[in-house]
């Protein structure tokens, strides 16, 4: 019976290919748009995942996300260090400064100032140079993408030459020498990242009374992080979050106060509707055209259960093939755009979501077809 079901399905080439095209397109659109959405959201907290050593981030209570910097007084660092359970605490500067390029243009950069003594909070991967080179005079480390693109030197013919170790930048009218190239997660706004020491970053930055962006703290071994965060808040009046909590705070801001979820959500819903309309209608028409064969099988003694299993097998087959083709095309798209400005990330949850949506489309189409088959009288086969 299974062989007959598959032969009936594949035998009608036009409708078989139509169902596959509908399910493939739905799977592709669902996976692609969800992957871009996840990739874009991952960039909002990429700086936090790159800075993995600290356990706790301390900041002003009004901070809403990682780029919403509200500077603190430098004396707050010593207050945090004095809280019981804090093994060490270091300052971090994070700000948006303008870099003047050789051709006279300006480029905004994320400037990160690390603790002068420990350099905690540095980039996760060094492509060229070493993190310790930041202790040289006027030294900065530039991220690889920014060095190859937005901060690259432009020759008279328009050709771009990537920044190299030994080249200089002008940050807010201050000279900076490139001593290293690093690899970091791209920021949400795709701006170049420039690492330097905390004291040098505060020199680059416009003069303000408060310049301390965050305090990075490490808990003593065995210390409960949530209890320590509450202790820091009670002692200093500042907000203290674990990295996971700060990531969630950032995500919640972008989910609540931006139109990104709505825009991508509409694309996903549109893909689901199109897939349902094409695949569901085509599968239903396929069942209608084959009612005489199902009636013949029922007249020969096949019960409703066997006939329904045939329909389920047909739906699962086209669903599995369509899902595989759509996800494969989305993965190919992600691989091609891996080194571009386009954000794309494909965790297993996205694959599970797409599989569930395709299964729902197939189940809906199968249930609609089953209703016609169950009500089918075998005698209709012998009517002229």
Protein backbone atom coordinates (compact mmCIF):
# COMPACT_ATOMS: atom_id res chain seq x y z
CA UNK A 1 0.00 0.00 0.00
CA UNK A 2 2.86 2.38 0.77
CA UNK A 3 4.37 1.69 -2.64
CA UNK A 4 1.05 2.43 -4.32
CA UNK A 5 0.72 5.68 -2.37
CA UNK A 6 4.17 6.87 -3.44
CA UNK A 7 3.57 5.81 -7.03
CA UNK A 8 0.31 7.77 -7.10
CA UNK A 9 2.11 10.83 -5.73
CA UNK A 10 5.13 10.78 -8.03
CA UNK A 11 3.07 9.72 -11.04
CA UNK A 12 1.31 13.10 -11.14
CA UNK A 13 4.51 15.03 -11.92
CA UNK A 14 2.93 18.47 -12.30
CA UNK A 15 1.18 18.49 -8.93
CA UNK A 16 4.06 16.67 -7.24
CA UNK A 17 6.50 19.38 -8.33
CA UNK A 18 3.98 22.09 -7.44
CA UNK A 19 3.67 20.79 -3.88
CA UNK A 20 7.47 20.54 -3.56
CA UNK A 21 7.95 24.08 -4.85
CA UNK A 22 5.44 25.46 -2.37
CA UNK A 23 6.97 23.68 0.60
CA UNK A 24 10.53 24.48 -0.51
CA UNK A 25 9.72 28.18 -0.86
CA UNK A 26 7.99 28.23 2.53
CA UNK A 27 10.93 26.47 4.20
CA UNK A 28 13.44 28.77 2.52
CA UNK A 29 11.62 31.96 3.50
CA UNK A 30 10.96 30.82 7.06
CA UNK A 31 14.55 29.69 7.64
CA UNK A 32 16.19 32.62 5.88
CA UNK A 33 14.18 35.37 7.55
CA UNK A 34 14.42 33.73 10.97
CA UNK A 35 18.17 33.25 10.53
CA UNK A 36 18.67 36.91 9.57
CA UNK A 37 16.56 38.01 12.55
CA UNK A 38 18.55 35.85 14.98
CA UNK A 39 21.83 37.04 13.45
CA UNK A 40 20.80 40.67 13.73
CA UNK A 41 19.70 40.26 17.33
CA UNK A 42 22.97 38.46 18.14
CA UNK A 43 24.89 41.52 17.01
CA UNK A 44 23.12 43.70 19.57
CA UNK A 45 24.91 41.88 22.41
CA UNK A 46 28.00 40.70 20.51
CA UNK A 47 30.25 42.89 22.65
CA UNK A 48 29.03 41.09 25.76
CA UNK A 49 29.77 37.62 24.40
CA UNK A 50 33.22 38.78 23.27
CA UNK A 51 33.94 40.01 26.81
CA UNK A 52 33.63 36.69 28.60
CA UNK A 53 36.00 37.01 31.58
CA UNK A 54 33.93 39.22 33.94
CA UNK A 55 31.06 37.67 35.86
CA UNK A 56 29.20 40.90 36.60
CA UNK A 57 28.62 44.18 34.76
CA UNK A 58 28.02 47.22 36.95
CA UNK A 59 26.45 50.36 35.47
CA UNK A 60 24.03 53.21 36.00
CA UNK A 61 20.50 52.11 36.92
CA UNK A 62 19.02 53.85 33.88
CA UNK A 63 21.04 51.88 31.29
CA UNK A 64 18.65 50.10 28.90
CA UNK A 65 21.06 48.18 26.66
CA UNK A 66 24.76 47.70 26.09
CA UNK A 67 25.21 50.81 23.90
CA UNK A 68 23.12 53.01 26.17
CA UNK A 69 26.15 54.30 28.08
CA UNK A 70 25.50 56.56 31.07
CA UNK A 71 28.93 57.37 32.54
CA UNK A 72 29.81 56.93 36.19
CA UNK A 73 32.22 58.70 38.50
CA UNK A 74 35.61 57.00 38.81
CA UNK A 75 35.15 56.72 42.57
CA UNK A 76 32.40 54.14 42.02
CA UNK A 77 35.09 51.66 40.99
CA UNK A 78 36.60 51.67 44.49
CA UNK A 79 33.17 51.23 46.06
CA UNK A 80 32.53 48.13 43.96
CA UNK A 81 35.96 46.74 44.85
CA UNK A 82 35.06 47.08 48.52
CA UNK A 83 31.93 44.91 48.28
CA UNK A 84 32.26 41.52 49.93
CA UNK A 85 32.49 38.72 47.38
CA UNK A 86 34.17 40.79 44.64
CA UNK A 87 37.54 39.27 43.71
CA UNK A 88 38.49 42.11 41.38
CA UNK A 89 36.84 45.00 39.54
CA UNK A 90 38.24 46.98 36.61
CA UNK A 91 37.05 50.02 34.63
CA UNK A 92 35.86 49.93 31.03
CA UNK A 93 35.32 52.82 28.66
CA UNK A 94 32.92 52.39 25.73
CA UNK A 95 32.10 55.30 23.50
CA UNK A 96 31.50 56.45 19.95
CA UNK A 97 34.34 58.59 18.61
CA UNK A 98 35.09 59.92 15.15
CA UNK A 99 38.16 58.77 13.25
CA UNK A 100 39.56 61.03 10.55
CA UNK A 101 40.70 59.10 7.47
CA UNK A 102 43.51 59.94 5.05
CA UNK A 103 41.06 61.27 2.46
CA UNK A 104 39.54 63.70 4.96
CA UNK A 105 36.35 61.74 5.60
CA UNK A 106 35.19 60.85 9.08
CA UNK A 107 34.12 57.43 10.36
CA UNK A 108 32.42 56.78 13.69
CA UNK A 109 34.12 54.01 15.71
CA UNK A 110 33.30 52.08 18.85
CA UNK A 111 36.26 52.86 21.09
CA UNK A 112 36.79 50.46 23.99
CA UNK A 113 39.18 51.43 26.76
CA UNK A 114 40.62 48.53 28.79
CA UNK A 115 42.08 48.56 32.27
CA UNK A 116 45.71 49.71 31.90
CA UNK A 117 47.14 47.11 34.28
CA UNK A 118 45.25 43.96 33.29
CA UNK A 119 43.77 44.73 29.83
CA UNK A 120 40.66 42.78 30.87
CA UNK A 121 37.87 43.05 28.30
CA UNK A 122 40.13 42.81 25.27
CA UNK A 123 39.18 41.24 21.92
CA UNK A 124 38.70 37.45 21.93
CA UNK A 125 40.89 36.72 18.88
CA UNK A 126 44.05 38.51 17.76
CA UNK A 127 44.74 38.15 14.03
CA UNK A 128 47.96 40.19 14.09
CA UNK A 129 49.97 41.58 16.97
CA UNK A 130 49.37 40.97 20.67
CA UNK A 131 47.03 42.47 23.26
CA UNK A 132 50.02 43.51 25.38
CA UNK A 133 51.13 45.84 22.55
CA UNK A 134 48.45 48.26 23.76
CA UNK A 135 50.95 49.40 26.38
CA UNK A 136 52.97 51.09 23.66
CA UNK A 137 52.63 54.81 23.12
CA UNK A 138 49.39 55.88 21.35
CA UNK A 139 48.62 52.21 20.59
CA UNK A 140 45.25 50.94 19.34
CA UNK A 141 43.96 47.60 18.05
CA UNK A 142 41.44 47.69 15.18
CA UNK A 143 38.96 44.96 14.29
CA UNK A 144 39.61 43.04 11.07
CA UNK A 145 36.43 44.03 9.24
CA UNK A 146 36.89 47.72 10.01
CA UNK A 147 40.55 47.64 8.98
CA UNK A 148 39.65 46.07 5.63
CA UNK A 149 36.65 48.25 4.88
CA UNK A 150 35.56 51.45 6.59
CA UNK A 151 38.97 52.40 8.03
CA UNK A 152 40.97 51.30 4.99
CA UNK A 153 43.15 53.84 3.20
CA UNK A 154 41.71 55.01 -0.13
CA UNK A 155 44.22 55.50 -2.92
CA UNK A 156 43.71 58.12 -5.66
CA UNK A 157 42.33 55.49 -8.04
CA UNK A 158 39.67 54.48 -5.52
CA UNK A 159 41.37 51.25 -4.48
CA UNK A 160 41.20 50.46 -0.78
CA UNK A 161 44.28 49.36 1.12
CA UNK A 162 43.53 47.70 4.49
CA UNK A 163 45.01 49.16 7.65
CA UNK A 164 48.16 47.41 8.74
CA UNK A 165 50.29 47.38 11.86
CA UNK A 166 52.24 50.62 11.98
CA UNK A 167 49.57 52.76 10.26
CA UNK A 168 48.15 55.74 12.10
CA UNK A 169 44.66 57.03 12.77
CA UNK A 170 43.37 60.35 14.04
CA UNK A 171 40.79 59.82 16.79
CA UNK A 172 39.10 63.02 17.91
CA UNK A 173 42.22 65.00 16.88
CA UNK A 174 44.55 62.58 18.71
CA UNK A 175 47.17 60.42 17.02
CA UNK A 176 46.69 56.65 17.30
CA UNK A 177 49.06 53.95 16.05
CA UNK A 178 47.72 50.56 14.95
CA UNK A 179 49.61 47.81 16.81
CA UNK A 180 47.25 44.90 16.18
CA UNK A 181 44.31 43.53 14.20
CA UNK A 182 41.61 41.59 16.04
CA UNK A 183 38.49 39.62 15.18
CA UNK A 184 35.31 40.48 17.05
CA UNK A 185 31.55 40.10 16.57
CA UNK A 186 30.18 42.79 14.30
CA UNK A 187 28.20 45.47 16.06
CA UNK A 188 24.53 46.13 15.43
CA UNK A 189 25.39 49.26 13.43
CA UNK A 190 28.45 47.62 11.80
CA UNK A 191 30.82 50.30 13.07
CA UNK A 192 34.55 49.55 13.41
CA UNK A 193 35.80 48.60 16.87
CA UNK A 194 38.97 50.21 18.24
CA UNK A 195 40.59 48.89 21.44
CA UNK A 196 43.01 50.87 23.58
CA UNK A 197 43.80 51.41 27.25
CA UNK A 198 41.35 53.10 29.59
CA UNK A 199 43.58 56.11 30.29
CA UNK A 200 44.23 56.63 26.57
CA UNK A 201 40.53 56.22 25.69
CA UNK A 202 39.55 58.90 28.19
CA UNK A 203 42.18 61.13 26.58
CA UNK A 204 40.70 60.51 23.14
CA UNK A 205 37.17 61.18 24.38
CA UNK A 206 35.75 64.69 24.76
CA UNK A 207 36.33 66.04 28.24
CA UNK A 208 33.49 65.27 30.62
CA UNK A 209 33.14 65.03 34.36
CA UNK A 210 32.18 61.36 34.11
CA UNK A 211 33.89 58.97 31.68
CA UNK A 212 33.61 55.54 33.32
CA UNK A 213 31.16 53.53 31.19
CA UNK A 214 31.06 50.15 32.97
CA UNK A 215 32.71 48.35 35.85
CA UNK A 216 33.65 44.73 35.15
CA UNK A 217 33.73 42.56 38.24
CA UNK A 218 34.76 39.00 39.04
CA UNK A 219 33.16 37.07 41.88
CA UNK A 220 35.22 35.08 44.34
CA UNK A 221 35.07 31.29 43.75
CA UNK A 222 31.83 29.77 45.00
CA UNK A 223 30.05 33.11 45.30
CA UNK A 224 26.40 33.25 44.24
CA UNK A 225 26.30 35.75 41.36
CA UNK A 226 22.72 36.90 41.91
CA UNK A 227 23.34 37.51 45.62
CA UNK A 228 26.51 39.42 44.75
CA UNK A 229 24.63 41.59 42.25
CA UNK A 230 22.09 42.48 44.93
CA UNK A 231 24.90 43.23 47.38
CA UNK A 232 26.61 45.56 44.91
CA UNK A 233 23.33 47.35 44.20
CA UNK A 234 22.64 47.80 47.90
CA UNK A 235 26.14 49.09 48.64
CA UNK A 236 26.58 51.43 45.66
CA UNK A 237 23.11 52.15 44.28
CA UNK A 238 24.27 50.98 40.86
CA UNK A 239 22.71 48.30 38.68
CA UNK A 240 24.64 45.02 38.61
CA UNK A 241 23.87 42.26 36.11
CA UNK A 242 25.36 38.95 35.20
CA UNK A 243 26.34 38.66 31.55
CA UNK A 244 23.22 36.60 30.79
CA UNK A 245 21.00 39.20 32.49
CA UNK A 246 22.66 42.04 30.57
CA UNK A 247 22.17 40.13 27.31
CA UNK A 248 18.47 39.69 28.12
CA UNK A 249 18.17 43.38 29.04
CA UNK A 250 19.64 44.36 25.66
CA UNK A 251 17.46 41.90 23.74
CA UNK A 252 14.31 43.03 25.52
CA UNK A 253 15.04 46.64 24.60
CA UNK A 254 15.39 45.89 20.88
CA UNK A 255 12.39 43.58 20.91
CA UNK A 256 10.20 46.13 22.67
CA UNK A 257 11.31 49.49 21.31
CA UNK A 258 12.26 48.73 17.69
CA UNK A 259 10.27 47.53 14.69
CA UNK A 260 12.66 44.67 13.89
CA UNK A 261 10.50 41.83 15.33
CA UNK A 262 7.38 43.08 13.51
CA UNK A 263 9.15 43.43 10.16
CA UNK A 264 10.73 39.99 10.25
CA UNK A 265 7.63 38.46 11.81
CA UNK A 266 5.53 39.65 8.87
CA UNK A 267 7.99 38.00 6.44
CA UNK A 268 7.80 34.72 8.34
CA UNK A 269 4.00 34.80 8.47
CA UNK A 270 3.88 35.63 4.76
CA UNK A 271 6.09 32.65 3.96
CA UNK A 272 3.86 30.38 6.02
CA UNK A 273 0.69 31.64 4.32
CA UNK A 274 2.17 31.29 0.84
CA UNK A 275 3.42 27.78 1.60
CA UNK A 276 0.04 26.80 3.01
CA UNK A 277 -1.83 28.24 0.03
CA UNK A 278 0.35 26.65 -2.64
CA UNK A 279 1.14 23.29 -1.06
CA UNK A 280 -2.19 22.82 0.69
CA UNK A 281 -4.35 23.65 -2.32
CA UNK A 282 -2.20 21.59 -4.68
CA UNK A 283 -2.23 18.58 -2.36
CA UNK A 284 -6.00 18.86 -1.93
CA UNK A 285 -6.49 18.97 -5.71
CA UNK A 286 -4.17 15.97 -6.03
CA UNK A 287 -6.38 14.02 -3.63
CA UNK A 288 -9.55 15.03 -5.49
CA UNK A 289 -8.10 13.81 -8.79
CA UNK A 290 -7.21 10.47 -7.20
CA UNK A 291 -10.51 9.89 -5.40
CA UNK A 292 -11.40 7.15 -7.90
CA UNK A 293 -8.26 5.24 -6.97
CA UNK A 294 -8.94 5.59 -3.27
CA UNK A 295 -12.51 4.46 -3.94
CA UNK A 296 -11.23 1.41 -5.81
CA UNK A 297 -8.99 0.49 -2.88
CA UNK A 298 -11.91 0.85 -0.46
CA UNK A 299 -14.10 -1.27 -2.75
CA UNK A 300 -11.39 -3.95 -2.70
CA UNK A 301 -11.55 -4.08 1.09
CA UNK A 302 -9.06 -1.46 2.23
CA UNK A 303 -10.35 0.27 5.34
CA UNK A 304 -10.31 3.99 6.02
CA UNK A 305 -7.27 3.52 8.26
CA UNK A 306 -5.10 2.14 5.45
CA UNK A 307 -6.22 4.79 2.99
CA UNK A 308 -5.60 7.56 5.49
CA UNK A 309 -2.12 6.21 6.21
CA UNK A 310 -1.42 6.45 2.49
CA UNK A 311 -2.36 10.14 2.51
CA UNK A 312 -0.24 10.79 5.59
CA UNK A 313 2.73 9.06 3.94
CA UNK A 314 2.32 11.20 0.83
CA UNK A 315 2.17 14.40 2.91
CA UNK A 316 5.19 13.46 5.01
CA UNK A 317 7.23 12.58 1.92
CA UNK A 318 6.68 15.89 0.14
CA UNK A 319 7.07 17.72 3.47
CA UNK A 320 10.42 16.09 4.22
CA UNK A 321 11.80 16.73 0.73
CA UNK A 322 10.52 20.31 0.64
CA UNK A 323 11.93 21.00 4.10
CA UNK A 324 15.32 19.61 3.15
CA UNK A 325 15.52 21.62 -0.06
CA UNK A 326 14.40 24.85 1.60
CA UNK A 327 16.74 24.56 4.58
CA UNK A 328 19.60 23.55 2.30
CA UNK A 329 19.06 26.64 0.15
CA UNK A 330 18.93 28.84 3.28
CA UNK A 331 22.19 27.33 4.59
CA UNK A 332 23.82 27.98 1.22
CA UNK A 333 22.62 31.56 1.39
CA UNK A 334 24.11 31.90 4.88
CA UNK A 335 27.43 30.42 3.81
CA UNK A 336 27.70 32.80 0.83
CA UNK A 337 26.88 35.85 2.97
CA UNK A 338 29.06 34.81 5.91
CA UNK A 339 31.69 37.52 5.43
CA UNK A 340 29.30 40.27 4.36
CA UNK A 341 27.36 42.95 6.20
CA UNK A 342 24.32 40.68 6.21
CA UNK A 343 23.69 39.09 9.59
CA UNK A 344 22.81 35.39 9.48
CA UNK A 345 22.80 32.85 12.26
CA UNK A 346 21.12 29.45 12.22
CA UNK A 347 20.69 27.82 15.65
CA UNK A 348 18.81 24.56 16.03
CA UNK A 349 15.73 26.41 17.29
CA UNK A 350 15.26 28.01 13.86
CA UNK A 351 15.46 24.61 12.16
CA UNK A 352 12.95 23.22 14.65
CA UNK A 353 10.62 26.18 14.05
CA UNK A 354 10.76 25.65 10.29
CA UNK A 355 10.20 21.91 10.68
CA UNK A 356 7.17 22.57 12.87
CA UNK A 357 5.72 25.04 10.36
CA UNK A 358 6.21 22.65 7.42
CA UNK A 359 4.70 19.82 9.45
CA UNK A 360 1.71 22.02 10.26
CA UNK A 361 1.23 22.81 6.57
CA UNK A 362 1.40 19.12 5.66
CA UNK A 363 -0.94 18.09 8.47
CA UNK A 364 -3.45 20.76 7.44
CA UNK A 365 -3.35 19.64 3.81
CA UNK A 366 -3.62 15.97 4.80
CA UNK A 367 -6.56 16.56 7.16
CA UNK A 368 -8.46 18.45 4.47
CA UNK A 369 -7.88 15.62 2.01
CA UNK A 370 -8.74 12.94 4.58
CA UNK A 371 -12.19 14.40 5.08
CA UNK A 372 -13.05 13.83 1.41
CA UNK A 373 -11.64 10.29 1.47
CA UNK A 374 -13.48 9.28 4.65
CA UNK A 375 -16.81 10.43 3.16
CA UNK A 376 -16.06 8.69 -0.12
CA UNK A 377 -18.43 5.83 -1.01
CA UNK A 378 -16.73 2.96 -2.90
CA UNK A 379 -19.73 2.73 -5.23
CA UNK A 380 -18.79 6.02 -6.93
CA UNK A 381 -15.97 4.18 -8.66
CA UNK A 382 -18.42 2.05 -10.65
CA UNK A 383 -20.72 4.87 -11.68
CA UNK A 384 -20.44 5.87 -15.31
